[in-house]
Protein backbone atom coordinates (compact mmCIF):
# COMPACT_ATOMS: atom_id res chain seq x y z
CA MET A 1 0.00 0.00 0.00
CA SER A 2 1.51 3.33 -1.00
CA SER A 3 2.02 5.94 1.66
CA LEU A 4 0.33 9.33 1.75
CA ARG A 5 3.63 10.93 0.66
CA ASP A 6 3.87 8.53 -2.31
CA ARG A 7 0.34 9.42 -3.38
CA PHE A 8 1.00 13.14 -2.98
CA ASN A 9 4.22 12.98 -5.02
CA LYS A 10 2.50 10.96 -7.72
CA PHE A 11 -0.29 13.54 -7.80
CA ALA A 12 2.32 16.31 -8.03
CA GLY A 13 3.79 14.59 -11.10
CA LYS A 14 7.13 13.73 -9.53
CA THR A 15 9.23 10.82 -10.81
CA ARG A 16 9.67 7.91 -8.43
CA PHE A 17 13.09 6.23 -8.27
CA VAL A 18 13.78 2.84 -6.74
CA VAL A 19 17.37 2.16 -5.70
CA CYS A 20 18.15 -1.36 -4.55
CA ARG A 21 21.05 -3.70 -3.97
CA VAL A 22 20.80 -7.48 -4.14
CA PHE A 23 23.34 -9.93 -2.68
CA ILE A 24 23.37 -13.53 -3.98
CA HIS A 25 25.72 -16.14 -2.53
CA LEU A 26 26.39 -19.22 -4.65
CA GLY A 27 28.29 -22.26 -3.40
CA GLY A 28 29.94 -25.29 -5.00
CA GLU A 29 32.82 -26.15 -7.31
CA GLU A 30 30.60 -25.63 -10.38
CA ILE A 31 30.32 -21.85 -9.93
CA ALA A 32 33.67 -20.96 -11.58
CA PRO A 33 32.15 -20.35 -15.08
CA LEU A 34 30.00 -17.59 -13.56
CA LEU A 35 33.19 -15.84 -12.41
CA GLY A 36 34.39 -15.89 -16.03
CA LEU A 37 31.13 -14.31 -17.22
CA LEU A 38 31.25 -11.64 -14.50
CA ASN A 39 34.82 -10.67 -15.46
CA ARG A 40 33.95 -10.54 -19.18
CA VAL A 41 30.90 -8.33 -18.53
CA ALA A 42 32.98 -6.06 -16.26
CA ARG A 43 35.63 -5.71 -18.97
CA GLU A 44 32.97 -4.89 -21.61
CA ALA A 45 31.45 -2.24 -19.31
CA VAL A 46 34.87 -0.61 -18.84
CA ASP A 47 35.59 -0.75 -22.60
CA ALA A 48 32.19 0.87 -23.28
CA ASP A 49 33.00 3.62 -20.76
CA GLY A 50 30.01 2.71 -18.59
CA ASP A 51 27.45 2.95 -21.42
CA LEU A 52 24.09 2.09 -19.81
CA GLU A 53 22.88 0.04 -22.82
CA VAL A 54 26.01 -2.14 -22.78
CA MET A 55 25.83 -2.50 -19.00
CA GLY A 56 22.14 -3.41 -19.27
CA GLU A 57 22.90 -6.18 -21.77
CA GLY A 58 25.58 -7.45 -19.39
CA LEU A 59 23.14 -7.34 -16.49
CA VAL A 60 20.65 -9.42 -18.50
CA GLU A 61 23.36 -12.03 -19.20
CA ILE A 62 24.32 -12.17 -15.52
CA CYS A 63 20.71 -12.47 -14.33
CA GLN A 64 19.96 -15.21 -16.87
CA GLN A 65 23.05 -17.15 -15.78
CA LEU A 66 22.12 -16.72 -12.11
CA LEU A 67 18.61 -18.02 -12.82
CA GLN A 68 20.10 -21.09 -14.56
CA MET A 69 22.35 -21.69 -11.55
CA SER A 70 19.61 -21.47 -8.90
CA THR A 71 20.56 -24.92 -7.54
CA TYR A 72 23.81 -23.32 -6.27
CA TRP A 73 22.09 -20.43 -4.45
CA GLN A 74 22.98 -20.61 -0.76
CA SER A 75 21.86 -17.29 0.71
CA ALA A 76 20.68 -13.85 -0.32
CA GLY A 77 19.86 -10.40 0.98
CA ASN A 78 18.71 -7.05 -0.30
CA GLU A 79 18.25 -3.45 0.71
CA GLY A 80 17.04 -0.28 -0.90
CA ASP A 81 14.96 2.85 -0.76
CA VAL A 82 12.53 4.96 -2.77
CA PHE A 83 13.28 8.55 -3.77
CA TRP A 84 11.31 11.34 -5.42
CA ASN A 85 14.45 13.36 -6.08
CA GLU A 86 16.94 12.23 -8.73
CA GLY A 87 19.90 13.83 -6.92
CA GLU A 88 19.13 11.97 -3.68
CA ALA A 89 18.72 8.72 -5.62
CA GLY A 90 22.10 9.35 -7.27
CA ASP A 91 23.75 10.00 -3.91
CA TYR A 92 22.40 6.69 -2.58
CA VAL A 93 23.65 4.87 -5.71
CA ASN A 94 27.13 6.33 -5.09
CA GLU A 95 26.97 5.28 -1.44
CA LEU A 96 26.09 1.69 -2.42
CA PHE A 97 28.82 1.67 -5.08
CA THR A 98 31.47 2.76 -2.58
CA ASP A 99 30.33 0.18 -0.04
CA SER A 100 30.20 -2.66 -2.60
CA ALA A 101 33.65 -1.78 -3.96
CA GLN A 102 35.12 -1.99 -0.45
CA ARG A 103 33.76 -5.47 0.19
CA TYR A 104 36.26 -8.30 0.53
CA LEU A 105 38.06 -9.06 -2.79
CA SER A 106 35.34 -7.34 -4.85
CA GLN A 107 37.56 -5.36 -7.25
CA PRO A 108 38.50 -7.23 -10.46
CA ASP A 109 41.89 -6.57 -12.03
CA LEU A 110 40.94 -5.91 -15.65
CA SER A 111 44.42 -4.85 -16.75
CA GLU A 112 45.54 -8.16 -18.19
CA PRO A 113 43.86 -11.51 -18.86
CA LEU A 114 45.31 -14.70 -17.40
CA ALA A 115 47.17 -17.13 -19.63
CA GLU A 116 45.49 -20.49 -20.14
CA ASP A 117 48.17 -22.44 -18.24
CA GLU A 118 47.71 -20.06 -15.27
CA LEU A 119 43.99 -20.82 -15.23
CA LEU A 120 44.62 -24.54 -14.82
CA SER A 121 46.83 -24.13 -11.75
CA LEU A 122 44.61 -21.73 -9.76
CA PRO A 123 42.52 -22.92 -6.81
CA VAL A 124 38.78 -22.71 -7.42
CA THR A 125 36.69 -20.88 -4.84
CA ARG A 126 33.65 -22.68 -3.48
CA ASN A 127 31.90 -19.41 -2.60
CA LEU A 128 30.90 -16.51 -4.82
CA VAL A 129 28.86 -13.45 -3.86
CA VAL A 130 27.32 -11.38 -6.65
CA ILE A 131 26.25 -7.86 -5.67
CA ILE A 132 23.86 -6.09 -8.07
CA ALA A 133 22.76 -2.50 -7.45
CA VAL A 134 20.38 -0.61 -9.72
CA ALA A 135 18.38 2.59 -9.85
CA ALA A 136 15.13 2.45 -11.81
CA GLU A 137 12.23 4.74 -12.56
CA GLY A 138 8.75 3.85 -11.34
CA GLU A 139 7.50 1.06 -9.09
CA VAL A 140 9.20 -2.34 -9.01
CA PRO A 141 7.22 -4.52 -6.57
CA ASP A 142 9.41 -7.59 -7.25
CA LEU A 143 12.48 -5.70 -6.00
CA GLU A 144 10.74 -3.73 -3.25
CA THR A 145 10.33 -6.81 -1.09
CA ASN A 146 12.44 -9.28 0.90
CA LEU A 147 14.41 -11.34 -1.62
CA ALA A 148 15.82 -13.85 0.89
CA ASP A 149 13.47 -16.48 -0.52
CA MET A 150 14.05 -18.68 -3.57
CA GLU A 151 10.87 -17.68 -5.40
CA ALA A 152 11.14 -13.98 -4.53
CA LEU A 153 14.78 -13.92 -5.68
CA GLU A 154 13.79 -15.55 -8.96
CA TYR A 155 11.11 -12.88 -9.53
CA GLY A 156 13.59 -10.16 -8.54
CA LEU A 157 16.17 -11.29 -11.11
CA LYS A 158 13.47 -11.47 -13.80
CA ALA A 159 12.37 -7.95 -12.81
CA LEU A 160 15.95 -6.71 -13.37
CA ILE A 161 15.91 -8.22 -16.88
CA ASN A 162 12.54 -6.59 -17.64
CA LEU A 163 13.71 -3.19 -16.37
CA HIS A 164 16.49 -3.23 -18.95
CA TYR A 165 14.12 -4.06 -21.81
CA GLN A 166 11.60 -1.47 -20.59
CA GLU A 167 14.46 1.10 -20.57
CA LYS A 168 13.71 2.05 -16.94
CA LEU A 169 17.21 1.52 -15.53
CA ARG A 170 19.11 4.71 -14.65
CA ALA A 171 22.17 3.15 -12.97
CA ILE A 172 23.68 -0.34 -12.89
CA GLN A 173 26.51 -1.67 -10.72
CA VAL A 174 27.77 -5.23 -10.45
CA HIS A 175 30.43 -6.30 -7.95
CA PHE A 176 31.46 -9.83 -7.05
CA SER A 177 33.63 -11.48 -4.45
CA PRO A 178 36.08 -13.02 -5.10
CA ALA A 179 36.62 -10.86 -8.18
CA LYS A 180 39.15 -13.10 -9.89
CA LEU A 181 40.15 -16.72 -10.27
CA GLY A 182 42.68 -17.78 -7.68
CA ASP A 183 41.18 -15.66 -4.89
CA GLU A 184 39.19 -17.58 -2.32
CA LEU A 185 36.27 -16.60 -0.15
CA ASP A 186 35.97 -19.01 2.77
CA ASN A 187 32.96 -19.44 5.03
CA ASP A 188 34.36 -17.25 7.82
CA GLN A 189 35.15 -14.43 5.39
CA LEU A 190 31.66 -14.80 3.97
CA LEU A 191 30.03 -14.30 7.40
CA THR A 192 32.33 -11.41 8.32
CA ASN A 193 32.09 -9.45 5.07
CA PHE A 194 28.51 -10.13 3.99
CA PRO A 195 26.31 -9.95 7.12
CA GLU A 196 23.25 -9.14 4.93
CA LEU A 197 23.09 -12.74 3.66
CA ILE A 198 20.20 -14.89 4.89
CA PRO A 199 20.17 -18.66 4.13
CA LEU A 200 17.69 -19.62 1.42
């Protein structure tokens, strides 16, 4: 049910912005290919100088892959807020970006790709946390709810895909920990650095 302020702002013709961040923890030895996709999408976003269309296509790829890997979902969490002022929404996006970038091992090194023989000798992490933050125009009920539930998380990821195709996304950020092959995120580090996660 929308609040009195929401109704007033809608009546006044103001634009509503939803800013949210979703954490998804995947576990198992089979999650390594997702790390490859995440690094490729990150590299493409950098090469495109943060172009929102390119980032949106990357977000769709990531969400589709996450949906296909739902059997490896271990825990999830989300947070967010609603704004009627674009500047305030932008400030919150920046705040989330800074926080996500400071999370344990969440900064990929995109300077040089690994050689194939290096890839074969690296340890494979059994834990991966994907952090997706977006700002979108309008109402997004499937993201404005608790996503620490298998079905709700599925609907939330599909909502992110739809927002791209509806051209409602205004900001997209994707971070992941560990950010590169060879780095490991153990269970203790997971609990310490990602307290938002709730078992699914």
